[in-house]
Protein backbone atom coordinates (compact mmCIF):
# COMPACT_ATOMS: atom_id res chain seq x y z
CA MET A 1 24.18 42.18 6.68
CA ILE A 2 28.12 41.42 7.95
CA ALA A 3 29.73 38.34 8.37
CA SER A 4 33.17 36.65 9.07
CA ASP A 5 33.97 33.68 8.00
CA LYS A 6 30.31 33.77 6.67
CA GLN A 7 29.01 33.90 9.88
CA ALA A 8 25.54 36.07 10.54
CA GLU A 9 26.96 39.10 13.43
CA GLY A 10 24.32 40.70 15.28
CA TYR A 11 23.39 44.32 16.54
CA ASP A 12 21.92 45.81 19.22
CA LYS A 13 18.52 45.47 19.43
CA GLU A 14 18.00 48.75 20.98
CA THR A 15 19.80 51.58 18.66
CA TYR A 16 21.15 49.74 15.93
CA GLU A 17 19.45 45.82 15.77
CA HIS A 18 19.36 44.93 11.83
CA ALA A 19 21.01 48.17 10.83
CA LEU A 20 22.79 46.95 8.24
CA TRP A 21 20.09 45.35 6.64
CA LEU A 22 17.30 48.06 6.50
CA GLY A 23 20.54 50.24 5.46
CA GLN A 24 19.98 52.90 8.31
CA ALA A 25 23.66 52.44 10.11
CA ALA A 26 24.49 56.34 11.15
CA ALA A 27 27.35 57.22 12.46
CA VAL A 28 28.02 57.65 16.52
CA THR A 29 28.63 60.36 18.50
CA ALA A 30 32.05 60.20 20.55
CA THR A 31 29.27 61.69 23.61
CA GLN A 32 27.20 59.08 22.86
CA THR A 33 29.96 56.46 22.98
CA ARG A 34 31.76 57.48 25.72
CA GLN A 35 28.19 57.43 28.17
CA SER A 36 27.70 53.84 27.01
CA GLU A 37 31.46 52.47 27.88
CA LYS A 38 31.05 53.79 31.57
CA ASN A 39 27.52 51.83 32.02
CA SER A 40 29.14 48.97 30.13
CA ILE A 41 31.22 46.15 31.94
CA ARG A 42 33.05 45.49 28.43
CA PRO A 43 34.46 48.19 25.92
CA ARG A 44 32.21 48.66 22.88
CA THR A 45 32.92 47.47 19.76
CA TYR A 46 32.46 48.98 16.51
CA LEU A 47 32.49 48.06 12.87
CA LEU A 48 34.36 50.73 11.16
CA LYS A 49 33.52 51.08 7.20
CA LEU A 50 36.69 51.07 5.20
CA GLU A 51 36.62 53.65 2.52
CA PRO A 52 39.36 56.40 1.52
CA PRO A 53 41.64 57.14 3.31
CA LEU A 54 40.96 54.45 5.56
CA ASP A 55 39.91 51.26 2.62
CA ASN A 56 41.89 48.80 4.23
CA PRO A 57 43.01 47.10 7.68
CA GLU A 58 46.66 47.91 7.26
CA ASP A 59 45.64 51.50 7.44
CA VAL A 60 42.89 50.81 10.60
CA LYS A 61 45.91 49.55 12.34
CA THR A 62 47.92 52.38 11.53
CA ALA A 63 45.10 54.90 12.50
CA ALA A 64 44.10 53.29 15.68
CA GLY A 65 48.02 52.12 16.71
CA LEU A 66 47.14 48.76 17.00
CA ASP A 67 49.35 46.06 16.93
CA THR A 68 47.91 43.36 14.98
CA THR A 69 45.74 44.07 11.97
CA PRO A 70 41.73 44.52 12.73
CA PRO A 71 39.53 41.40 11.04
CA ILE A 72 38.08 42.07 8.27
CA PHE A 73 34.39 42.20 7.87
CA TYR A 74 31.80 42.12 4.71
CA GLY A 75 28.35 43.47 4.43
CA ILE A 76 26.05 45.79 2.29
CA GLY A 77 26.29 49.46 3.20
CA ASP A 78 23.30 52.10 3.82
CA ASP A 79 23.62 52.47 -0.04
CA GLY A 80 22.71 49.00 -0.72
CA GLU A 81 26.23 48.07 -1.99
CA PRO A 82 28.38 45.41 -0.71
CA ALA A 83 31.07 46.76 1.41
CA SER A 84 33.97 45.87 3.91
CA PHE A 85 33.98 47.13 6.99
CA CYS A 86 37.38 46.23 10.32
CA LYS A 87 36.27 45.65 13.98
CA ILE A 88 37.52 47.91 16.73
CA VAL A 89 37.27 47.41 20.17
CA GLY A 90 37.04 50.69 22.66
CA ALA A 91 36.21 54.72 22.57
CA GLU A 92 39.89 55.07 22.92
CA CYS A 93 40.68 53.51 19.98
CA LYS A 94 37.93 54.92 17.98
CA ASP A 95 38.94 58.36 19.03
CA MET A 96 42.57 57.57 17.98
CA ILE A 97 41.14 57.02 14.77
CA ILE A 98 39.57 60.47 14.64
CA SER A 99 42.76 61.96 16.06
CA TYR A 100 44.92 60.17 13.29
CA LEU A 101 42.26 61.88 10.92
CA ASN A 102 42.88 65.72 12.25
CA ARG A 103 46.83 65.12 12.40
CA THR A 104 46.92 64.07 8.52
CA GLY A 105 45.00 66.63 7.23
CA GLN A 106 41.78 64.45 6.80
CA SER A 107 39.41 66.09 9.21
CA THR A 108 36.70 66.77 6.26
CA PHE A 109 36.38 62.73 6.43
CA LYS A 110 33.78 61.37 8.99
CA PRO A 111 33.99 57.74 9.53
CA THR A 112 31.29 55.62 9.46
CA PHE A 113 31.37 53.74 12.87
CA ILE A 114 28.71 51.56 13.64
CA THR A 115 28.03 49.61 17.11
CA HIS A 116 28.49 45.88 16.99
CA SER A 117 26.66 44.48 19.72
CA VAL A 118 26.99 40.83 20.66
CA ALA A 119 26.84 38.31 23.64
CA GLU A 120 30.60 36.87 23.78
CA LYS A 121 31.29 33.00 23.04
CA ASN A 122 34.60 32.03 24.99
CA LEU A 123 34.06 28.91 26.09
CA CYS A 124 37.19 28.07 27.82
CA SER A 125 39.27 24.18 26.24
CA ILE A 126 41.49 23.49 29.11
CA SER A 127 38.68 24.33 32.25
CA ALA A 128 35.24 24.61 33.02
CA HIS A 129 35.55 28.01 32.21
CA PRO A 130 32.81 30.09 32.35
CA THR A 131 30.17 27.89 34.03
CA LEU A 132 26.89 29.26 35.26
CA GLY A 133 27.18 29.56 38.82
CA ILE A 134 30.78 28.07 39.62
CA ASP A 135 34.17 29.77 39.65
CA SER A 136 36.41 27.10 38.05
CA ILE A 137 39.02 28.39 39.25
CA LEU A 138 38.46 26.99 42.63
CA PRO A 139 40.17 23.34 43.41
CA GLN A 140 36.86 21.62 43.55
CA HIS A 141 35.88 22.91 40.25
CA ARG A 142 38.66 21.89 37.82
CA PRO A 143 39.11 19.23 35.79
CA ASN A 144 40.28 15.30 37.14
CA SER A 145 42.07 15.18 33.78
CA ARG A 146 43.28 17.11 30.74
CA SER A 147 41.38 14.72 28.32
CA ALA A 148 39.27 16.42 25.67
CA ASN A 149 36.60 13.98 26.89
CA ASP A 150 35.96 15.45 29.95
CA PRO A 151 32.43 16.31 31.11
CA CYS A 152 33.79 19.34 32.15
CA TYR A 153 34.42 21.01 28.53
CA LEU A 154 31.82 20.10 27.48
CA PRO A 155 29.89 21.83 25.25
CA THR A 156 33.03 22.98 23.33
CA GLN A 157 33.33 26.34 21.75
CA ASN A 158 32.07 24.77 18.02
CA GLN A 159 30.06 22.01 19.35
CA TYR A 160 26.59 22.08 17.33
CA PRO A 161 24.06 20.83 17.39
CA VAL A 162 23.87 22.30 21.07
CA LEU A 163 21.44 22.61 23.78
CA TYR A 164 20.41 26.20 24.88
CA PHE A 165 18.98 27.08 28.17
CA VAL A 166 16.39 29.79 27.46
CA TYR A 167 14.63 32.36 29.42
CA GLY A 168 12.65 35.46 29.12
CA THR A 169 11.67 36.31 25.37
CA LEU A 170 13.32 33.53 24.04
CA ALA A 171 11.21 31.38 25.80
CA ASP A 172 8.61 32.98 23.78
CA PRO A 173 7.58 30.70 20.67
CA VAL A 174 6.91 33.68 18.61
CA VAL A 175 10.10 35.75 19.12
CA LEU A 176 12.40 32.67 18.57
CA LYS A 177 10.59 31.83 15.22
CA GLU A 178 10.88 34.72 13.82
CA LYS A 179 14.62 35.23 14.58
CA LEU A 180 15.68 32.05 13.81
CA SER A 181 13.13 32.61 10.27
CA LEU A 182 11.72 29.03 11.18
CA ASN A 183 9.56 27.54 9.13
CA LYS A 184 7.66 26.01 11.99
CA GLU A 185 7.00 26.60 16.13
CA PRO A 186 10.13 25.96 17.66
CA VAL A 187 10.43 22.99 20.07
CA TYR A 188 11.13 23.95 23.51
CA GLN A 189 10.84 21.41 26.91
CA PRO A 190 10.87 22.38 30.20
CA ALA A 191 13.98 22.31 31.99
CA ARG A 192 16.06 24.03 35.00
CA VAL A 193 19.28 25.27 35.78
CA ARG A 194 20.83 25.48 38.71
CA GLY A 195 23.40 27.89 40.76
CA GLY A 196 21.95 31.17 38.91
CA LEU A 197 19.31 33.82 39.95
CA LEU A 198 16.40 35.55 37.38
CA LYS A 199 16.76 39.35 37.91
CA VAL A 200 15.89 42.24 35.75
CA TRP A 201 17.82 45.28 33.99
CA GLY A 202 16.21 48.28 32.17
CA ASN A 203 12.74 47.63 34.25
CA LYS A 204 11.53 44.87 31.71
CA TYR A 205 14.29 42.78 30.62
CA ARG A 206 15.40 38.92 32.42
CA ALA A 207 18.55 38.89 33.44
CA LEU A 208 20.12 35.20 34.22
CA VAL A 209 23.15 35.65 36.99
CA ASP A 210 25.38 33.76 38.90
CA ALA A 211 23.93 32.98 42.87
CA PRO A 212 25.91 34.09 45.49
CA PRO A 213 28.54 31.83 46.38
CA GLN A 214 27.41 31.77 50.03
CA MET A 215 24.23 30.16 48.33
CA ASP A 216 23.78 26.71 47.93
CA TYR A 217 23.93 25.80 43.77
CA ASN A 218 22.22 22.69 43.90
CA LYS A 219 18.97 24.69 46.04
CA VAL A 220 18.88 27.35 43.52
CA ILE A 221 16.73 26.59 40.82
CA VAL A 222 15.97 28.54 37.84
CA ASP A 223 13.24 27.40 35.61
CA GLY A 224 12.53 27.72 31.70
CA TYR A 225 13.09 25.99 28.66
CA ALA A 226 15.30 23.80 26.40
CA PHE A 227 15.68 24.32 23.02
CA THR A 228 18.48 22.82 20.45
CA ILE A 229 20.56 25.61 18.23
CA GLU A 230 21.57 23.56 15.15
CA ASP A 231 24.52 25.52 13.90
CA SER A 232 26.57 28.33 14.05
CA ALA A 233 24.49 30.60 11.92
CA GLN A 234 21.22 30.37 14.38
CA GLU A 235 23.44 30.43 17.39
CA ASP A 236 25.04 34.10 16.44
CA VAL A 237 21.85 35.84 15.59
CA LEU A 238 20.99 34.84 19.58
CA CYS A 239 23.85 36.17 20.64
CA GLY A 240 23.03 39.35 18.28
CA TYR A 241 19.35 39.63 20.07
CA GLU A 242 21.03 38.99 23.20
CA THR A 243 23.46 41.55 22.45
CA ASP A 244 27.07 41.95 24.59
CA LYS A 245 24.74 42.80 27.75
CA TYR A 246 25.20 39.03 27.98
CA GLU A 247 27.40 35.92 27.67
CA VAL A 248 27.35 33.14 26.47
CA VAL A 249 28.33 30.77 29.74
CA ARG A 250 27.91 26.62 30.31
CA CYS A 251 25.38 25.11 32.54
CA ALA A 252 23.77 21.80 33.54
CA ILE A 253 20.74 21.85 31.67
CA GLU A 254 18.04 19.41 33.72
CA LEU A 255 15.33 18.11 31.64
CA PRO A 256 12.77 16.80 34.26
CA GLU A 257 10.50 15.40 31.52
CA ASP A 258 13.13 12.70 30.25
CA HIS A 259 14.89 12.65 33.94
CA GLN A 260 18.34 13.40 32.83
CA VAL A 261 20.64 16.13 32.54
CA VAL A 262 22.36 17.42 29.71
CA LYS A 263 25.66 19.74 29.07
CA GLY A 264 24.39 23.15 27.30
CA LEU A 265 24.90 26.42 27.18
CA THR A 266 22.71 29.89 28.53
CA PHE A 267 22.72 33.40 27.87
CA ARG A 268 24.46 34.92 31.63
CA PHE A 269 23.96 38.49 31.67
CA VAL A 270 27.36 40.62 32.19
CA GLY A 271 25.04 43.98 33.14
CA GLU A 272 24.19 45.77 36.46
CA THR A 273 20.60 44.59 37.01
CA ASP A 274 17.82 46.76 38.62
């Protein structure tokens, strides 16, 4: 399992779910790569295994023509031995590395690229962005102050424990218990959020998206459940499970049984729905 700053990362549940854990990661072909990126809003992210002649981040930086040194990750390779990896973004970056190897007479070396697909979490510290169903750029959604205690800034990027609004497969206690390796059944609370719509992608996966701006935010309600994520390790697992077709966003979670509203998070779909 690969980790950065000792935090677990996830993989594409369709193609590479737990690939490193099982030691079955394989090189991704250029054709598959480009086609995947055509169908994705975000550039595909890869983990490049560090091995000669690309055995350190500086070599990868040179080969890929990067301005900064890529981050390094540690994990277990397909041979069961400890291994190091660099994270690179985009098929073009991947192609540049292959071209570099060809130009430098090292075309016989076949680098190992592993699809690294996790839901992005990038909560702004000076605005409400990103928030379900709300364009935080609009004046009416801007915070009234720059105080870090302004509710618009909650939850913060590294705030734990944190309440998540879940739906679809994550609302299944069997799935959540297995993914988080819980010793007991997860505790859910009936919950709802406003400003979103539930759609479907891939003919089977639930997709929470922003409701169109012409719809009344307060009248667009999605029912689901609330679950408390205790730490970043649990959150990383769920981000890996959801893949990069989703992103973590802020939302106001209504708990009808407790008659309260809690600032929390949920997974918003970023791809194309059916």
